[in-house]
């Protein structure tokens, strides 16, 4: 591999790595936004008044029901 090819490869690799890092940051931002949306929804329905252990139990139950298709979409 010539020196020019090595540099070209390195430049391309660096550009791709930067794109990957940018995409990872964007995914993290989207995940955090979704967590906030879910939290706001829980608060909207008064769930902030309940103990975490109780909520955890019921969220696990709901998740299981949803994953088995036992719920209807609105």
PDB file of N, CA and C in Angstrom:
ATOM      1  N   UNK A   1       0.849  -1.168   0.000  1.00  0.00           N
ATOM      2  CA  UNK A   1       0.000   0.000   0.000  1.00  0.00           C
ATOM      3  C   UNK A   1       0.900   1.238   0.000  1.00  0.00           C
ATOM      4  N   UNK A   2       0.603   2.141  -0.893  1.00  0.00           N
ATOM      5  CA  UNK A   2       1.425   3.348  -0.987  1.00  0.00           C
ATOM      6  C   UNK A   2       1.095   4.311   0.150  1.00  0.00           C
ATOM      7  N   UNK A   3       1.978   5.277   0.329  1.00  0.00           N
ATOM      8  CA  UNK A   3       1.779   6.276   1.387  1.00  0.00           C
ATOM      9  C   UNK A   3       0.496   7.068   1.144  1.00  0.00           C
ATOM     10  N   UNK A   4       0.217   7.382  -0.130  1.00  0.00           N
ATOM     11  CA  UNK A   4      -0.983   8.134  -0.479  1.00  0.00           C
ATOM     12  C   UNK A   4      -2.238   7.324  -0.131  1.00  0.00           C
ATOM     13  N   UNK A   5      -2.205   6.014  -0.400  1.00  0.00           N
ATOM     14  CA  UNK A   5      -3.338   5.160  -0.077  1.00  0.00           C
ATOM     15  C   UNK A   5      -3.536   5.064   1.435  1.00  0.00           C
ATOM     16  N   UNK A   6      -2.417   5.023   2.179  1.00  0.00           N
ATOM     17  CA  UNK A   6      -2.496   4.948   3.636  1.00  0.00           C
ATOM     18  C   UNK A   6      -3.153   6.204   4.199  1.00  0.00           C
ATOM     19  N   UNK A   7      -2.763   7.361   3.672  1.00  0.00           N
ATOM     20  CA  UNK A   7      -3.331   8.624   4.142  1.00  0.00           C
ATOM     21  C   UNK A   7      -4.809   8.691   3.780  1.00  0.00           C
ATOM     22  N   UNK A   8      -5.134   8.306   2.553  1.00  0.00           N
ATOM     23  CA  UNK A   8      -6.517   8.334   2.111  1.00  0.00           C
ATOM     24  C   UNK A   8      -7.373   7.413   2.997  1.00  0.00           C
ATOM     25  N   UNK A   9      -6.861   6.231   3.301  1.00  0.00           N
ATOM     26  CA  UNK A   9      -7.557   5.292   4.168  1.00  0.00           C
ATOM     27  C   UNK A   9      -7.760   5.895   5.553  1.00  0.00           C
ATOM     28  N   UNK A  10      -6.703   6.509   6.086  1.00  0.00           N
ATOM     29  CA  UNK A  10      -6.785   7.107   7.421  1.00  0.00           C
ATOM     30  C   UNK A  10      -7.815   8.236   7.451  1.00  0.00           C
ATOM     31  N   UNK A  11      -7.831   9.062   6.415  1.00  0.00           N
ATOM     32  CA  UNK A  11      -8.791  10.165   6.337  1.00  0.00           C
ATOM     33  C   UNK A  11     -10.216   9.621   6.294  1.00  0.00           C
ATOM     34  N   UNK A  12     -10.430   8.614   5.461  1.00  0.00           N
ATOM     35  CA  UNK A  12     -11.767   8.017   5.361  1.00  0.00           C
ATOM     36  C   UNK A  12     -12.175   7.375   6.683  1.00  0.00           C
ATOM     37  N   UNK A  13     -11.226   6.686   7.300  1.00  0.00           N
ATOM     38  CA  UNK A  13     -11.497   6.039   8.580  1.00  0.00           C
ATOM     39  C   UNK A  13     -11.852   7.080   9.639  1.00  0.00           C
ATOM     40  N   UNK A  14     -11.108   8.167   9.690  1.00  0.00           N
ATOM     41  CA  UNK A  14     -11.379   9.236  10.654  1.00  0.00           C
ATOM     42  C   UNK A  14     -12.754   9.860  10.424  1.00  0.00           C
ATOM     43  N   UNK A  15     -13.125  10.075   9.154  1.00  0.00           N
ATOM     44  CA  UNK A  15     -14.431  10.642   8.834  1.00  0.00           C
ATOM     45  C   UNK A  15     -15.548   9.708   9.292  1.00  0.00           C
ATOM     46  N   UNK A  16     -15.375   8.415   9.025  1.00  0.00           N
ATOM     47  CA  UNK A  16     -16.385   7.449   9.441  1.00  0.00           C
ATOM     48  C   UNK A  16     -16.491   7.371  10.962  1.00  0.00           C
ATOM     49  N   UNK A  17     -15.353   7.409  11.636  1.00  0.00           N
ATOM     50  CA  UNK A  17     -15.375   7.384  13.099  1.00  0.00           C
ATOM     51  C   UNK A  17     -16.094   8.607  13.668  1.00  0.00           C
ATOM     52  N   UNK A  18     -15.887   9.756  13.048  1.00  0.00           N
ATOM     53  CA  UNK A  18     -16.582  10.969  13.490  1.00  0.00           C
ATOM     54  C   UNK A  18     -18.087  10.839  13.271  1.00  0.00           C
ATOM     55  N   UNK A  19     -18.488  10.265  12.121  1.00  0.00           N
ATOM     56  CA  UNK A  19     -19.912  10.057  11.850  1.00  0.00           C
ATOM     57  C   UNK A  19     -20.516   9.096  12.872  1.00  0.00           C
ATOM     58  N   UNK A  20     -19.783   8.058  13.199  1.00  0.00           N
ATOM     59  CA  UNK A  20     -20.252   7.071  14.175  1.00  0.00           C
ATOM     60  C   UNK A  20     -20.437   7.728  15.534  1.00  0.00           C
ATOM     61  N   UNK A  21     -19.467   8.514  15.958  1.00  0.00           N
ATOM     62  CA  UNK A  21     -19.560   9.197  17.251  1.00  0.00           C
ATOM     63  C   UNK A  21     -20.736  10.170  17.273  1.00  0.00           C
ATOM     64  N   UNK A  22     -20.933  10.886  16.169  1.00  0.00           N
ATOM     65  CA  UNK A  22     -22.049  11.813  16.079  1.00  0.00           C
ATOM     66  C   UNK A  22     -23.372  11.055  16.173  1.00  0.00           C
ATOM     67  N   UNK A  23     -23.463   9.934  15.472  1.00  0.00           N
ATOM     68  CA  UNK A  23     -24.681   9.121  15.502  1.00  0.00           C
ATOM     69  C   UNK A  23     -24.942   8.581  16.908  1.00  0.00           C
ATOM     70  N   UNK A  24     -23.883   8.161  17.607  1.00  0.00           N
ATOM     71  CA  UNK A  24     -24.039   7.666  18.979  1.00  0.00           C
ATOM     72  C   UNK A  24     -24.590   8.758  19.887  1.00  0.00           C
ATOM     73  N   UNK A  25     -24.094   9.976  19.719  1.00  0.00           N
ATOM     74  CA  UNK A  25     -24.577  11.099  20.519  1.00  0.00           C
ATOM     75  C   UNK A  25     -26.046  11.392  20.209  1.00  0.00           C
ATOM     76  N   UNK A  26     -26.408  11.326  18.929  1.00  0.00           N
ATOM     77  CA  UNK A  26     -27.791  11.579  18.534  1.00  0.00           C
ATOM     78  C   UNK A  26     -28.722  10.512  19.107  1.00  0.00           C
ATOM     79  N   UNK A  27     -28.276   9.263  19.105  1.00  0.00           N
ATOM     80  CA  UNK A  27     -29.074   8.178  19.685  1.00  0.00           C
ATOM     81  C   UNK A  27     -29.260   8.408  21.180  1.00  0.00           C
ATOM     82  N   UNK A  28     -28.200   8.806  21.856  1.00  0.00           N
ATOM     83  CA  UNK A  28     -28.277   9.082  23.290  1.00  0.00           C
ATOM     84  C   UNK A  28     -29.258  10.223  23.579  1.00  0.00           C
ATOM     85  N   UNK A  29     -29.224  11.252  22.765  1.00  0.00           N
ATOM     86  CA  UNK A  29     -30.152  12.369  22.919  1.00  0.00           C
ATOM     87  C   UNK A  29     -31.598  11.887  22.735  1.00  0.00           C
ATOM     88  N   UNK A  30     -31.829  11.064  21.709  1.00  0.00           N
ATOM     89  CA  UNK A  30     -33.172  10.531  21.471  1.00  0.00           C
ATOM     90  C   UNK A  30     -33.641   9.639  22.616  1.00  0.00           C
ATOM     91  N   UNK A  31     -32.737   8.808  23.137  1.00  0.00           N
ATOM     92  CA  UNK A  31     -33.085   7.938  24.263  1.00  0.00           C
ATOM     93  C   UNK A  31     -33.446   8.761  25.498  1.00  0.00           C
ATOM     94  N   UNK A  32     -32.661   9.796  25.769  1.00  0.00           N
ATOM     95  CA  UNK A  32     -32.941  10.658  26.919  1.00  0.00           C
ATOM     96  C   UNK A  32     -34.256  11.406  26.745  1.00  0.00           C
ATOM     97  N   UNK A  33     -34.535  11.849  25.518  1.00  0.00           N
ATOM     98  CA  UNK A  33     -35.793  12.523  25.240  1.00  0.00           C
ATOM     99  C   UNK A  33     -36.960  11.574  25.493  1.00  0.00           C
ATOM    100  N   UNK A  34     -36.807  10.320  25.077  1.00  0.00           N
ATOM    101  CA  UNK A  34     -37.874   9.326  25.275  1.00  0.00           C
ATOM    102  C   UNK A  34     -38.083   9.051  26.765  1.00  0.00           C
ATOM    103  N   UNK A  35     -37.000   8.974  27.517  1.00  0.00           N
ATOM    104  CA  UNK A  35     -37.125   8.762  28.958  1.00  0.00           C
ATOM    105  C   UNK A  35     -37.886   9.903  29.613  1.00  0.00           C
ATOM    106  N   UNK A  36     -37.606  11.123  29.201  1.00  0.00           N
ATOM    107  CA  UNK A  36     -38.329  12.286  29.727  1.00  0.00           C
ATOM    108  C   UNK A  36     -39.808  12.234  29.359  1.00  0.00           C
ATOM    109  N   UNK A  37     -40.090  11.826  28.121  1.00  0.00           N
ATOM    110  CA  UNK A  37     -41.482  11.712  27.682  1.00  0.00           C
ATOM    111  C   UNK A  37     -42.232  10.681  28.527  1.00  0.00           C
ATOM    112  N   UNK A  38     -41.602   9.549  28.781  1.00  0.00           N
ATOM    113  CA  UNK A  38     -42.229   8.499  29.589  1.00  0.00           C
ATOM    114  C   UNK A  38     -42.427   8.983  31.020  1.00  0.00           C
ATOM    115  N   UNK A  39     -41.437   9.679  31.552  1.00  0.00           N
ATOM    116  CA  UNK A  39     -41.551  10.227  32.899  1.00  0.00           C
ATOM    117  C   UNK A  39     -42.673  11.240  33.013  1.00  0.00           C
ATOM    118  N   UNK A  40     -42.795  12.112  32.010  1.00  0.00           N
ATOM    119  CA  UNK A  40     -43.873  13.102  32.012  1.00  0.00           C
ATOM    120  C   UNK A  40     -45.234  12.415  31.936  1.00  0.00           C
ATOM    121  N   UNK A  41     -45.310  11.372  31.129  1.00  0.00           N
ATOM    122  CA  UNK A  41     -46.555  10.624  31.007  1.00  0.00           C
ATOM    123  C   UNK A  41     -46.924   9.978  32.343  1.00  0.00           C
ATOM    124  N   UNK A  42     -45.945   9.406  33.015  1.00  0.00           N
ATOM    125  CA  UNK A  42     -46.186   8.785  34.321  1.00  0.00           C
ATOM    126  C   UNK A  42     -46.668   9.839  35.322  1.00  0.00           C
ATOM    127  N   UNK A  43     -46.029  10.995  35.330  1.00  0.00           N
ATOM    128  CA  UNK A  43     -46.435  12.073  36.251  1.00  0.00           C
ATOM    129  C   UNK A  43     -47.826  12.588  35.909  1.00  0.00           C
ATOM    130  N   UNK A  44     -48.125  12.686  34.629  1.00  0.00           N
ATOM    131  CA  UNK A  44     -49.431  13.150  34.178  1.00  0.00           C
ATOM    132  C   UNK A  44     -50.546  12.290  34.780  1.00  0.00           C
ATOM    133  N   UNK A  45     -50.256  11.008  34.944  1.00  0.00           N
ATOM    134  CA  UNK A  45     -51.255  10.079  35.465  1.00  0.00           C
ATOM    135  C   UNK A  45     -51.095   9.825  36.964  1.00  0.00           C
ATOM    136  N   UNK A  46     -50.324  10.681  37.637  1.00  0.00           N
ATOM    137  CA  UNK A  46     -50.203  10.613  39.089  1.00  0.00           C
ATOM    138  C   UNK A  46     -49.324   9.513  39.627  1.00  0.00           C
ATOM    139  N   UNK A  47     -48.516   8.907  38.774  1.00  0.00           N
ATOM    140  CA  UNK A  47     -47.695   7.778  39.219  1.00  0.00           C
ATOM    141  C   UNK A  47     -46.512   8.208  40.077  1.00  0.00           C
ATOM    142  N   UNK A  48     -46.203   9.491  40.079  1.00  0.00           N
ATOM    143  CA  UNK A  48     -45.083   9.970  40.897  1.00  0.00           C
ATOM    144  C   UNK A  48     -45.380   9.850  42.390  1.00  0.00           C
ATOM    145  N   UNK A  49     -46.629   9.593  42.750  1.00  0.00           N
ATOM    146  CA  UNK A  49     -47.015   9.457  44.153  1.00  0.00           C
ATOM    147  C   UNK A  49     -46.779   8.052  44.716  1.00  0.00           C
ATOM    148  N   UNK A  50     -46.426   7.099  43.863  1.00  0.00           N
ATOM    149  CA  UNK A  50     -46.283   5.712  44.296  1.00  0.00           C
ATOM    150  C   UNK A  50     -44.819   5.325  44.488  1.00  0.00           C
ATOM    151  N   UNK A  51     -44.612   4.325  45.315  1.00  0.00           N
ATOM    152  CA  UNK A  51     -43.267   3.805  45.577  1.00  0.00           C
ATOM    153  C   UNK A  51     -42.695   3.160  44.307  1.00  0.00           C
ATOM    154  N   UNK A  52     -41.395   3.276  44.146  1.00  0.00           N
ATOM    155  CA  UNK A  52     -40.726   2.719  42.967  1.00  0.00           C
ATOM    156  C   UNK A  52     -40.913   1.206  42.854  1.00  0.00           C
ATOM    157  N   UNK A  53     -40.902   0.510  43.977  1.00  0.00           N
ATOM    158  CA  UNK A  53     -41.041  -0.955  43.918  1.00  0.00           C
ATOM    159  C   UNK A  53     -42.409  -1.354  43.375  1.00  0.00           C
ATOM    160  N   UNK A  54     -43.441  -0.620  43.765  1.00  0.00           N
ATOM    161  CA  UNK A  54     -44.784  -0.902  43.257  1.00  0.00           C
ATOM    162  C   UNK A  54     -44.859  -0.602  41.766  1.00  0.00           C
ATOM    163  N   UNK A  55     -44.313   0.533  41.384  1.00  0.00           N
ATOM    164  CA  UNK A  55     -44.300   0.896  39.963  1.00  0.00           C
ATOM    165  C   UNK A  55     -43.511  -0.117  39.144  1.00  0.00           C
ATOM    166  N   UNK A  56     -42.376  -0.538  39.656  1.00  0.00           N
ATOM    167  CA  UNK A  56     -41.548  -1.508  38.953  1.00  0.00           C
ATOM    168  C   UNK A  56     -42.334  -2.792  38.698  1.00  0.00           C
ATOM    169  N   UNK A  57     -43.049  -3.247  39.715  1.00  0.00           N
ATOM    170  CA  UNK A  57     -43.851  -4.468  39.578  1.00  0.00           C
ATOM    171  C   UNK A  57     -44.904  -4.307  38.480  1.00  0.00           C
ATOM    172  N   UNK A  58     -45.619  -3.195  38.509  1.00  0.00           N
ATOM    173  CA  UNK A  58     -46.693  -2.993  37.537  1.00  0.00           C
ATOM    174  C   UNK A  58     -46.162  -2.691  36.135  1.00  0.00           C
ATOM    175  N   UNK A  59     -45.039  -2.003  36.039  1.00  0.00           N
ATOM    176  CA  UNK A  59     -44.440  -1.779  34.719  1.00  0.00           C
ATOM    177  C   UNK A  59     -43.959  -3.098  34.118  1.00  0.00           C
ATOM    178  N   UNK A  60     -43.413  -3.968  34.948  1.00  0.00           N
ATOM    179  CA  UNK A  60     -42.978  -5.278  34.459  1.00  0.00           C
ATOM    180  C   UNK A  60     -44.181  -6.075  33.955  1.00  0.00           C
ATOM    181  N   UNK A  61     -45.268  -6.014  34.701  1.00  0.00           N
ATOM    182  CA  UNK A  61     -46.496  -6.711  34.307  1.00  0.00           C
ATOM    183  C   UNK A  61     -47.031  -6.145  32.992  1.00  0.00           C
ATOM    184  N   UNK A  62     -47.068  -4.827  32.884  1.00  0.00           N
ATOM    185  CA  UNK A  62     -47.533  -4.177  31.664  1.00  0.00           C
ATOM    186  C   UNK A  62     -46.640  -4.531  30.478  1.00  0.00           C
ATOM    187  N   UNK A  63     -45.351  -4.513  30.693  1.00  0.00           N
ATOM    188  CA  UNK A  63     -44.407  -4.846  29.628  1.00  0.00           C
ATOM    189  C   UNK A  63     -44.637  -6.264  29.125  1.00  0.00           C
ATOM    190  N   UNK A  64     -44.851  -7.174  30.051  1.00  0.00           N
ATOM    191  CA  UNK A  64     -45.102  -8.572  29.682  1.00  0.00           C
ATOM    192  C   UNK A  64     -46.394  -8.680  28.871  1.00  0.00           C
ATOM    193  N   UNK A  65     -47.437  -7.983  29.306  1.00  0.00           N
ATOM    194  CA  UNK A  65     -48.701  -8.003  28.576  1.00  0.00           C
ATOM    195  C   UNK A  65     -48.545  -7.429  27.174  1.00  0.00           C
ATOM    196  N   UNK A  66     -47.852  -6.314  27.065  1.00  0.00           N
ATOM    197  CA  UNK A  66     -47.663  -5.684  25.760  1.00  0.00           C
ATOM    198  C   UNK A  66     -46.829  -6.549  24.823  1.00  0.00           C
ATOM    199  N   UNK A  67     -45.821  -7.207  25.377  1.00  0.00           N
ATOM    200  CA  UNK A  67     -44.959  -8.021  24.520  1.00  0.00           C
ATOM    201  C   UNK A  67     -45.647  -9.291  24.040  1.00  0.00           C
ATOM    202  N   UNK A  68     -46.707  -9.697  24.717  1.00  0.00           N
ATOM    203  CA  UNK A  68     -47.460 -10.876  24.301  1.00  0.00           C
ATOM    204  C   UNK A  68     -48.686 -10.502  23.477  1.00  0.00           C
ATOM    205  N   UNK A  69     -48.815  -9.231  23.153  1.00  0.00           N
ATOM    206  CA  UNK A  69     -49.916  -8.789  22.301  1.00  0.00           C
ATOM    207  C   UNK A  69     -51.267  -8.806  22.975  1.00  0.00           C
ATOM    208  N   UNK A  70     -51.295  -8.725  24.303  1.00  0.00           N
ATOM    209  CA  UNK A  70     -52.550  -8.755  25.041  1.00  0.00           C
ATOM    210  C   UNK A  70     -53.160  -7.376  25.225  1.00  0.00           C
ATOM    211  N   UNK A  71     -52.648  -6.402  24.543  1.00  0.00           N
ATOM    212  CA  UNK A  71     -53.221  -5.065  24.681  1.00  0.00           C
ATOM    213  C   UNK A  71     -53.611  -4.556  23.309  1.00  0.00           C
ATOM    214  N   UNK A  72     -54.576  -3.669  23.308  1.00  0.00           N
ATOM    215  CA  UNK A  72     -55.030  -3.074  22.055  1.00  0.00           C
ATOM    216  C   UNK A  72     -54.387  -1.714  21.891  1.00  0.00           C
ATOM    217  N   UNK A  73     -53.995  -1.389  20.673  1.00  0.00           N
ATOM    218  CA  UNK A  73     -53.453  -0.062  20.381  1.00  0.00           C
ATOM    219  C   UNK A  73     -54.612   0.884  20.161  1.00  0.00           C
ATOM    220  N   UNK A  74     -54.431   2.125  20.598  1.00  0.00           N
ATOM    221  CA  UNK A  74     -55.477   3.135  20.378  1.00  0.00           C
ATOM    222  C   UNK A  74     -55.315   3.776  19.046  1.00  0.00           C
TER     223      UNK A  74
END
